[in-house]
Amino acid sequence: MKDLFHGELEIIGMRGCSDFCKQVDNYICDWRGHERDSYISDVECPRFGTGEAKGLIHDTQRGKDVYIIVDCFNYGPETYYNMYGKQTAMSPDDHYCDLKRIIAAIGGKARRITVIMPMLYEGRQHRRSARESLDCALALQELSSMGVSEIITFDAHDPRVVNSIPLFGFDNVQVTYQMIKAFVRNVPDAELTAGKTMMISPDEGGMSRCMYYSSVLGLELGMFYKRRNYTIIVNGRNPIEAHEFLGNDVTGKDVIIVDDMISSGDSVIDIAYQLKEKGAKRIFVFATFGLFCNGFETMDKAYKEGALTKIFTTNLIYRTPELLSREWYCEVNLCKYVAYLIDTLNHDMTISELLNPVNRIHTLMEKVNSRKKKKN
C-alpha cells in the first residue's frame, strides 16, 4: 500500500470488544512493521450507582482517523456493571448509549470517525408496518448528526435502511468468502458442486444471500416460506404456523441453510427436520450472527438426532463459552478481514475489492478442487 494516510490511526474498542480489537490490532501492527506498539486508544464509560454513565477518553483524538468497534449484543462478563447494588449485563441500548458517549467525548476533534457495528443496532426494527417506531433509521441518523462519517456493518437484516442516511457512508459487508473458506476447511469431504450440495433460504427475505452463494458456486437453490398467523401477536411478532418448501428434490444431497442470524433457532430446527424427512444427507447452517437467545437444548437435540451436522457463525458478536464448546459449532474468525478494512480505509484507498469476494471464492475453489484431484 502507498504510505498515504487519511490521518493517524486510532482504534477504539467499546466494552466487551477487547479480545476482538486486540486481534485486529495485532494484524495491523504486524503489517506496519510495529511502528507503534498498539493503535488501540484507552477509553472507558464508568457507571454511577444509578446505572448512569459518562464517556472518558485518555488519549487525544485531535486530527486522528478513528475507528470505533462496538458489539451492541454483547452480554458477557466484561459488560456487567453495578446498578442499585445489583450486577446488570449491558443491553443493546446501553451499548448504543456508550457509543454516543465516546463520540461526544471526542468532541468533534477527530479528522474522521468510522463506526464498525457488526450487527446493526435495532436492525430488525427497520420498517414501519403500523403505529410503531423506526429505531434503526433513527439511530443511523443520530450517529450521522454526531459527526460519524461512515458506518460499517455486516449482513444487515435489511440493507435498504441505508436510505435513511443517503448522504453518509454506509457499507453492508457480506461474509460469503469467509463462510465458504471455513466450510471447506472443516468439512473436507463436502462437494460444492451441482447435484451434490444445495443452498436453502429459510425465508423470502434471505433469498438474495442464497442466490449469491448459488450463483458464485453454481449450486441448486431452494427456499422455505413462512406461513404466519396474522390474527395474533406473540413477543412482538406474528407466530409462524408452518414452513413450506419450494425447490428441487434434496434426496441424498448436502444442504446449506443460509441466514443472517440465529435468534431462538426454532425456525432453523424446524426447517432442518423437514429437510431430513425429505431425504437430505447432511444439513449445515451458515449464519453471520449466532444469538441463541433460548439456549442450546434444541440444537443439541437436533444434532444428536442427525438433523443438524454443523453450524457456522462469525466471531463478530459475543459467543458464550458454552457455545464454543459444542461439537456442532464452528467459529468463523473475521478479525483479519476487519483489520484489512481498517488498514485499507486508513490508507485512503477503496475497499471495493474487499467487498466483492467473487475472485477470491473462485481461487479458493480451484485450490480445493485441485487438492481433491491430486488425492484421487
Protein backbone atom coordinates (compact mmCIF):
# COMPACT_ATOMS: atom_id res chain seq x y z
CA MET A 1 0.00 0.00 0.00
CA LYS A 2 1.09 3.58 -0.57
CA ASP A 3 2.24 5.49 2.52
CA LEU A 4 -0.62 7.98 2.36
CA PHE A 5 -2.88 8.07 5.40
CA HIS A 6 -6.18 9.84 5.93
CA GLY A 7 -4.95 10.57 9.45
CA GLU A 8 -3.08 8.89 12.28
CA LEU A 9 -4.90 5.64 13.03
CA GLU A 10 -6.72 5.13 16.32
CA ILE A 11 -8.92 2.13 17.18
CA ILE A 12 -11.45 2.33 19.99
CA GLY A 13 -12.93 -0.89 21.29
CA MET A 14 -16.13 -0.46 23.25
CA ARG A 15 -16.85 -2.59 26.30
CA GLY A 16 -16.87 -6.30 25.51
CA CYS A 17 -14.78 -5.91 22.33
CA SER A 18 -11.30 -6.06 23.87
CA ASP A 19 -10.33 -9.54 22.61
CA PHE A 20 -11.62 -8.84 19.10
CA CYS A 21 -9.85 -5.46 18.96
CA LYS A 22 -6.57 -6.94 20.19
CA GLN A 23 -6.58 -9.44 17.32
CA VAL A 24 -7.38 -6.69 14.82
CA ASP A 25 -4.64 -4.50 16.33
CA ASN A 26 -2.07 -7.32 16.16
CA TYR A 27 -2.65 -7.78 12.43
CA ILE A 28 -2.27 -4.06 11.69
CA CYS A 29 0.84 -3.76 13.88
CA ASP A 30 2.43 -6.70 12.01
CA TRP A 31 1.59 -5.23 8.59
CA ARG A 32 3.07 -1.86 9.57
CA GLY A 33 6.30 -3.26 11.00
CA HIS A 34 5.37 -2.44 14.60
CA GLU A 35 5.84 1.30 14.12
CA ARG A 36 3.60 1.55 17.17
CA ASP A 37 3.09 -0.98 19.94
CA SER A 38 -0.68 -0.60 19.59
CA TYR A 39 -3.27 1.51 17.78
CA ILE A 40 -5.91 0.98 20.47
CA SER A 41 -6.96 4.06 22.43
CA ASP A 42 -7.65 3.99 26.15
CA VAL A 43 -11.32 4.81 26.76
CA GLU A 44 -13.91 3.91 29.37
CA CYS A 45 -17.52 4.53 30.32
CA PRO A 46 -17.66 4.40 34.13
CA ARG A 47 -21.06 3.93 35.77
CA PHE A 48 -22.67 5.68 38.70
CA GLY A 49 -24.67 3.70 41.25
CA THR A 50 -27.92 4.54 39.43
CA GLY A 51 -26.68 2.99 36.19
CA GLU A 52 -25.96 6.35 34.55
CA ALA A 53 -22.59 6.73 32.85
CA LYS A 54 -20.15 9.07 31.16
CA GLY A 55 -17.59 8.62 28.39
CA LEU A 56 -13.89 9.21 29.11
CA ILE A 57 -11.03 9.25 26.58
CA HIS A 58 -7.49 9.14 27.94
CA ASP A 59 -5.67 9.68 24.61
CA THR A 60 -6.03 12.70 22.35
CA GLN A 61 -8.09 12.13 19.18
CA ARG A 62 -7.32 15.51 17.57
CA GLY A 63 -6.76 15.06 13.84
CA LYS A 64 -6.94 11.26 14.13
CA ASP A 65 -8.65 8.75 11.85
CA VAL A 66 -10.77 6.98 14.47
CA TYR A 67 -12.42 3.55 14.12
CA ILE A 68 -14.85 2.60 16.88
CA ILE A 69 -15.74 -1.09 17.15
CA VAL A 70 -18.93 -1.80 19.08
CA ASP A 71 -20.81 -5.05 19.73
CA CYS A 72 -24.29 -3.94 20.77
CA PHE A 73 -25.29 -7.54 21.54
CA ASN A 74 -22.52 -8.40 23.98
CA TYR A 75 -23.76 -9.61 27.36
CA GLY A 76 -20.54 -11.29 28.55
CA PRO A 77 -18.77 -10.78 31.91
CA GLU A 78 -16.97 -7.67 30.61
CA THR A 79 -20.27 -5.86 30.22
CA TYR A 80 -21.55 -6.26 33.78
CA TYR A 81 -21.95 -3.13 35.91
CA ASN A 82 -23.37 -2.30 39.30
CA MET A 83 -26.81 -0.63 39.42
CA TYR A 84 -28.57 -0.11 42.75
CA GLY A 85 -26.33 -2.78 44.26
CA LYS A 86 -27.15 -5.41 41.63
CA GLN A 87 -24.92 -6.76 38.87
CA THR A 88 -26.52 -5.99 35.49
CA ALA A 89 -25.45 -7.01 31.98
CA MET A 90 -25.44 -4.27 29.39
CA SER A 91 -28.37 -4.27 26.99
CA PRO A 92 -28.14 -3.20 23.32
CA ASP A 93 -29.49 0.19 24.42
CA ASP A 94 -26.66 0.51 26.97
CA HIS A 95 -24.02 -0.30 24.36
CA TYR A 96 -25.51 2.20 21.92
CA CYS A 97 -25.59 4.94 24.56
CA ASP A 98 -21.96 4.26 25.49
CA LEU A 99 -21.04 4.58 21.81
CA LYS A 100 -22.67 8.01 21.71
CA ARG A 101 -20.87 8.98 24.92
CA ILE A 102 -17.46 8.20 23.41
CA ILE A 103 -18.32 10.08 20.20
CA ALA A 104 -19.41 13.02 22.36
CA ALA A 105 -16.16 12.82 24.36
CA ILE A 106 -14.17 13.08 21.11
CA GLY A 107 -15.96 16.40 20.75
CA GLY A 108 -15.52 16.82 17.00
CA LYS A 109 -11.71 16.88 17.27
CA ALA A 110 -11.10 13.76 15.16
CA ARG A 111 -10.45 14.12 11.44
CA ARG A 112 -12.82 11.23 10.70
CA ILE A 113 -14.92 8.82 12.76
CA THR A 114 -15.91 5.42 11.38
CA VAL A 115 -18.19 3.18 13.43
CA ILE A 116 -17.82 -0.57 12.89
CA MET A 117 -21.03 -2.10 14.23
CA PRO A 118 -21.06 -5.74 13.05
CA MET A 119 -24.68 -6.45 13.96
CA LEU A 120 -26.69 -3.32 13.34
CA TYR A 121 -28.36 -1.85 16.40
CA GLU A 122 -32.15 -2.23 16.09
CA GLY A 123 -31.56 -3.74 12.64
CA ARG A 124 -34.70 -5.86 12.94
CA GLN A 125 -36.83 -2.76 13.53
CA HIS A 126 -36.07 -1.43 10.07
CA ARG A 127 -39.51 -0.67 8.68
CA ARG A 128 -42.89 0.62 9.80
CA SER A 129 -45.97 -1.54 9.26
CA ALA A 130 -48.25 0.04 11.89
CA ARG A 131 -48.04 2.76 14.56
CA GLU A 132 -44.51 1.86 15.56
CA SER A 133 -41.05 3.37 15.78
CA LEU A 134 -38.32 3.23 13.14
CA ASP A 135 -35.48 2.64 15.57
CA CYS A 136 -32.71 1.63 13.17
CA ALA A 137 -33.23 4.63 10.89
CA LEU A 138 -33.31 6.97 13.89
CA ALA A 139 -30.06 5.51 15.26
CA LEU A 140 -28.26 5.89 11.92
CA GLN A 141 -29.44 9.48 11.56
CA GLU A 142 -28.37 10.24 15.14
CA LEU A 143 -24.86 8.87 14.61
CA SER A 144 -24.53 10.81 11.37
CA SER A 145 -25.62 14.02 13.06
CA MET A 146 -22.97 13.46 15.78
CA GLY A 147 -20.18 13.52 13.20
CA VAL A 148 -19.78 9.86 12.18
CA SER A 149 -18.55 9.80 8.57
CA GLU A 150 -19.13 6.14 7.84
CA ILE A 151 -20.89 3.15 9.35
CA ILE A 152 -19.68 -0.37 8.54
CA THR A 153 -21.99 -3.24 9.35
CA PHE A 154 -22.19 -6.92 8.37
CA ASP A 155 -25.09 -8.69 6.70
CA ALA A 156 -27.74 -6.12 7.64
CA HIS A 157 -31.19 -7.60 8.20
CA ASP A 158 -32.45 -5.18 5.57
CA PRO A 159 -29.70 -3.16 3.80
CA ARG A 160 -32.31 -0.74 2.46
CA VAL A 161 -32.15 1.00 5.83
CA VAL A 162 -29.25 2.94 4.25
CA ASN A 163 -31.96 5.08 2.64
CA SER A 164 -32.32 6.86 5.99
CA ILE A 165 -28.82 8.41 5.59
CA PRO A 166 -28.35 8.86 1.82
CA LEU A 167 -25.59 11.48 2.15
CA PHE A 168 -23.39 9.50 4.56
CA GLY A 169 -21.18 6.43 4.19
CA PHE A 170 -22.78 3.05 4.88
CA ASP A 171 -21.16 -0.26 3.93
CA ASN A 172 -23.01 -3.53 4.35
CA VAL A 173 -20.30 -6.22 4.29
CA GLN A 174 -21.04 -9.83 3.39
CA VAL A 175 -19.07 -12.76 4.85
CA THR A 176 -19.60 -15.17 1.95
CA TYR A 177 -15.92 -15.88 1.29
CA GLN A 178 -15.08 -16.42 4.96
CA MET A 179 -18.01 -18.82 5.39
CA ILE A 180 -17.04 -20.89 2.35
CA LYS A 181 -13.39 -20.94 3.47
CA ALA A 182 -14.34 -22.17 6.95
CA PHE A 183 -16.69 -24.75 5.43
CA VAL A 184 -14.13 -26.36 3.11
CA ARG A 185 -11.59 -26.45 5.94
CA ASN A 186 -13.91 -28.05 8.48
CA VAL A 187 -15.86 -30.31 6.11
CA PRO A 188 -13.13 -31.56 3.73
CA ASP A 189 -15.31 -34.31 2.24
CA ALA A 190 -18.04 -31.88 1.15
CA GLU A 191 -18.55 -31.37 -2.58
CA LEU A 192 -19.67 -27.87 -3.52
CA THR A 193 -20.95 -28.93 -6.93
CA ALA A 194 -24.39 -29.10 -8.56
CA GLY A 195 -26.21 -32.30 -7.72
CA LYS A 196 -24.16 -32.82 -4.55
CA THR A 197 -24.90 -29.72 -2.47
CA MET A 198 -27.89 -27.36 -2.39
CA MET A 199 -28.33 -23.86 -0.93
CA ILE A 200 -31.54 -23.24 1.02
CA SER A 201 -33.02 -19.94 2.16
CA PRO A 202 -35.13 -20.20 5.34
CA ASP A 203 -37.47 -17.41 4.19
CA GLU A 204 -38.20 -14.97 1.39
CA GLY A 205 -36.09 -12.21 2.96
CA GLY A 206 -32.92 -14.30 2.80
CA MET A 207 -33.20 -15.26 -0.86
CA SER A 208 -30.67 -12.67 -2.04
CA ARG A 209 -27.98 -14.20 0.22
CA CYS A 210 -28.70 -17.70 -1.06
CA MET A 211 -28.86 -16.55 -4.68
CA TYR A 212 -25.36 -15.10 -4.31
CA TYR A 213 -23.94 -18.37 -2.92
CA SER A 214 -25.83 -20.34 -5.57
CA SER A 215 -24.64 -18.16 -8.46
CA VAL A 216 -20.99 -17.98 -7.38
CA LEU A 217 -20.71 -21.71 -6.64
CA GLY A 218 -23.09 -22.95 -9.36
CA LEU A 219 -25.36 -24.81 -6.90
CA GLU A 220 -29.08 -25.54 -6.89
CA LEU A 221 -31.31 -23.21 -4.91
CA GLY A 222 -34.34 -23.82 -2.70
CA MET A 223 -36.48 -21.76 -0.35
CA PHE A 224 -38.87 -22.07 2.56
CA TYR A 225 -41.60 -19.52 3.10
CA LYS A 226 -43.15 -18.82 6.46
CA ARG A 227 -46.90 -19.26 6.88
CA ARG A 228 -47.80 -16.95 9.77
CA ASN A 229 -50.89 -16.45 11.91
CA TYR A 230 -51.68 -12.77 11.42
CA THR A 231 -54.59 -12.79 13.86
CA ILE A 232 -52.35 -12.80 16.97
CA ILE A 233 -49.05 -11.30 18.12
CA VAL A 234 -46.63 -13.19 20.38
CA ASN A 235 -43.44 -11.49 21.65
CA GLY A 236 -43.99 -8.61 19.24
CA ARG A 237 -44.49 -10.70 16.09
CA ASN A 238 -46.97 -12.93 14.30
CA PRO A 239 -46.14 -16.57 15.14
CA ILE A 240 -45.06 -18.97 12.38
CA GLU A 241 -47.52 -21.80 11.82
CA ALA A 242 -45.51 -23.74 9.22
CA HIS A 243 -42.55 -23.62 6.84
CA GLU A 244 -43.41 -24.57 3.25
CA PHE A 245 -40.63 -25.71 0.87
CA LEU A 246 -40.13 -24.58 -2.73
CA GLY A 247 -37.33 -26.25 -4.69
CA ASN A 248 -35.91 -29.37 -6.30
CA ASP A 249 -35.52 -32.77 -4.69
CA VAL A 250 -32.96 -32.77 -1.84
CA THR A 251 -32.63 -36.55 -1.57
CA GLY A 252 -29.03 -37.61 -0.97
CA LYS A 253 -27.69 -34.05 -1.13
CA ASP A 254 -25.82 -32.00 1.43
CA VAL A 255 -27.84 -28.90 2.26
CA ILE A 256 -26.59 -25.50 3.45
CA ILE A 257 -29.15 -23.21 5.09
CA VAL A 258 -28.08 -19.55 4.87
CA ASP A 259 -29.41 -16.80 7.14
CA ASP A 260 -28.24 -13.53 8.66
CA MET A 261 -28.82 -14.64 12.25
CA ILE A 262 -29.94 -17.42 14.56
CA SER A 263 -32.11 -15.89 17.26
CA SER A 264 -34.03 -18.61 19.08
CA GLY A 265 -33.11 -21.20 16.45
CA ASP A 266 -36.64 -22.60 16.25
CA SER A 267 -37.02 -21.82 12.54
CA VAL A 268 -33.70 -23.43 11.61
CA ILE A 269 -34.52 -26.55 13.64
CA ASP A 270 -37.98 -26.89 12.05
CA ILE A 271 -36.51 -26.50 8.55
CA ALA A 272 -33.69 -28.96 9.29
CA TYR A 273 -36.13 -31.67 10.39
CA GLN A 274 -38.27 -31.09 7.30
CA LEU A 275 -35.24 -31.36 5.02
CA LYS A 276 -34.19 -34.54 6.78
CA GLU A 277 -37.64 -36.01 6.21
CA LYS A 278 -37.27 -35.11 2.51
CA GLY A 279 -34.10 -37.19 2.31
CA ALA A 280 -31.30 -34.64 2.74
CA LYS A 281 -27.92 -36.20 3.53
CA ARG A 282 -26.27 -33.65 5.84
CA ILE A 283 -27.54 -30.25 6.92
CA PHE A 284 -25.25 -27.29 7.59
CA VAL A 285 -26.15 -23.75 8.66
CA PHE A 286 -24.36 -20.51 7.73
CA ALA A 287 -25.47 -17.64 10.00
CA THR A 288 -23.46 -14.45 10.35
CA PHE A 289 -24.68 -13.92 13.91
CA GLY A 290 -25.43 -16.66 16.41
CA LEU A 291 -27.54 -15.20 19.22
CA PHE A 292 -29.07 -18.45 20.55
CA CYS A 293 -31.44 -16.46 22.79
CA ASN A 294 -33.19 -19.59 24.09
CA GLY A 295 -30.06 -21.61 24.84
CA PHE A 296 -28.72 -24.71 23.11
CA GLU A 297 -31.04 -27.51 24.20
CA THR A 298 -32.97 -27.77 20.93
CA MET A 299 -29.73 -27.52 18.90
CA ASP A 300 -28.13 -30.28 20.95
CA LYS A 301 -31.19 -32.48 20.42
CA ALA A 302 -31.22 -31.86 16.66
CA TYR A 303 -27.50 -32.66 16.45
CA LYS A 304 -27.90 -35.92 18.38
CA GLU A 305 -30.81 -36.93 16.15
CA GLY A 306 -28.83 -36.16 12.99
CA ALA A 307 -30.97 -33.25 11.83
CA LEU A 308 -28.02 -30.85 12.07
CA THR A 309 -24.38 -31.55 11.22
CA LYS A 310 -22.65 -28.23 11.86
CA ILE A 311 -23.50 -24.56 12.43
CA PHE A 312 -21.12 -21.81 11.28
CA THR A 313 -21.33 -18.33 12.81
CA THR A 314 -18.81 -15.48 12.99
CA ASN A 315 -16.96 -14.04 15.99
CA LEU A 316 -18.33 -10.57 15.20
CA ILE A 317 -20.58 -10.70 18.27
CA TYR A 318 -20.24 -12.31 21.69
CA ARG A 319 -20.25 -16.10 21.89
CA THR A 320 -20.64 -17.84 25.23
CA PRO A 321 -18.09 -20.45 26.39
CA GLU A 322 -20.98 -22.96 26.30
CA LEU A 323 -21.47 -22.30 22.58
CA LEU A 324 -17.76 -22.57 21.80
CA SER A 325 -17.64 -25.99 23.47
CA ARG A 326 -20.40 -27.51 21.29
CA GLU A 327 -19.38 -30.22 18.80
CA TRP A 328 -21.81 -28.88 16.22
CA TYR A 329 -20.45 -25.33 16.37
CA CYS A 330 -17.74 -23.82 14.15
CA GLU A 331 -16.48 -20.26 14.60
CA VAL A 332 -15.61 -18.13 11.56
CA ASN A 333 -12.97 -15.59 12.61
CA LEU A 334 -13.40 -12.16 10.97
CA CYS A 335 -10.63 -10.27 12.82
CA LYS A 336 -8.20 -10.32 9.90
CA TYR A 337 -10.91 -9.16 7.49
CA VAL A 338 -11.87 -6.24 9.76
CA ALA A 339 -8.17 -5.36 10.06
CA TYR A 340 -7.95 -5.29 6.24
CA LEU A 341 -10.95 -2.94 6.08
CA ILE A 342 -9.49 -0.57 8.66
CA ASP A 343 -5.98 -0.61 7.18
CA THR A 344 -7.26 0.00 3.65
CA LEU A 345 -9.58 2.85 4.64
CA ASN A 346 -6.87 4.47 6.76
CA HIS A 347 -4.64 4.46 3.67
CA ASP A 348 -7.48 6.31 1.90
CA MET A 349 -7.90 3.51 -0.61
CA THR A 350 -11.03 1.83 -1.95
CA ILE A 351 -12.42 -1.27 -0.24
CA SER A 352 -14.35 -2.38 -3.33
CA GLU A 353 -12.09 -5.41 -3.80
CA LEU A 354 -12.64 -6.45 -0.19
CA LEU A 355 -16.40 -6.10 -0.51
CA ASN A 356 -16.60 -8.20 -3.69
CA PRO A 357 -15.16 -11.67 -2.96
CA VAL A 358 -16.07 -13.44 -6.24
CA ASN A 359 -12.47 -13.78 -7.46
CA ARG A 360 -11.26 -14.96 -4.05
CA ILE A 361 -14.04 -17.56 -3.90
CA HIS A 362 -13.19 -18.89 -7.36
CA THR A 363 -9.48 -19.03 -6.48
CA LEU A 364 -10.29 -20.88 -3.26
CA MET A 365 -12.49 -23.43 -5.03
CA GLU A 366 -9.83 -24.01 -7.70
CA LYS A 367 -7.31 -24.81 -4.97
CA VAL A 368 -9.77 -27.12 -3.17
CA ASN A 369 -10.69 -28.98 -6.36
CA SER A 370 -7.04 -29.27 -7.36
CA ARG A 371 -6.16 -30.86 -3.99
CA LYS A 372 -9.01 -33.36 -4.33
CA LYS A 373 -7.87 -34.35 -7.83
CA LYS A 374 -4.33 -34.97 -6.59
CA LYS A 375 -5.63 -37.18 -3.77
CA ASN A 376 -7.74 -39.19 -6.18
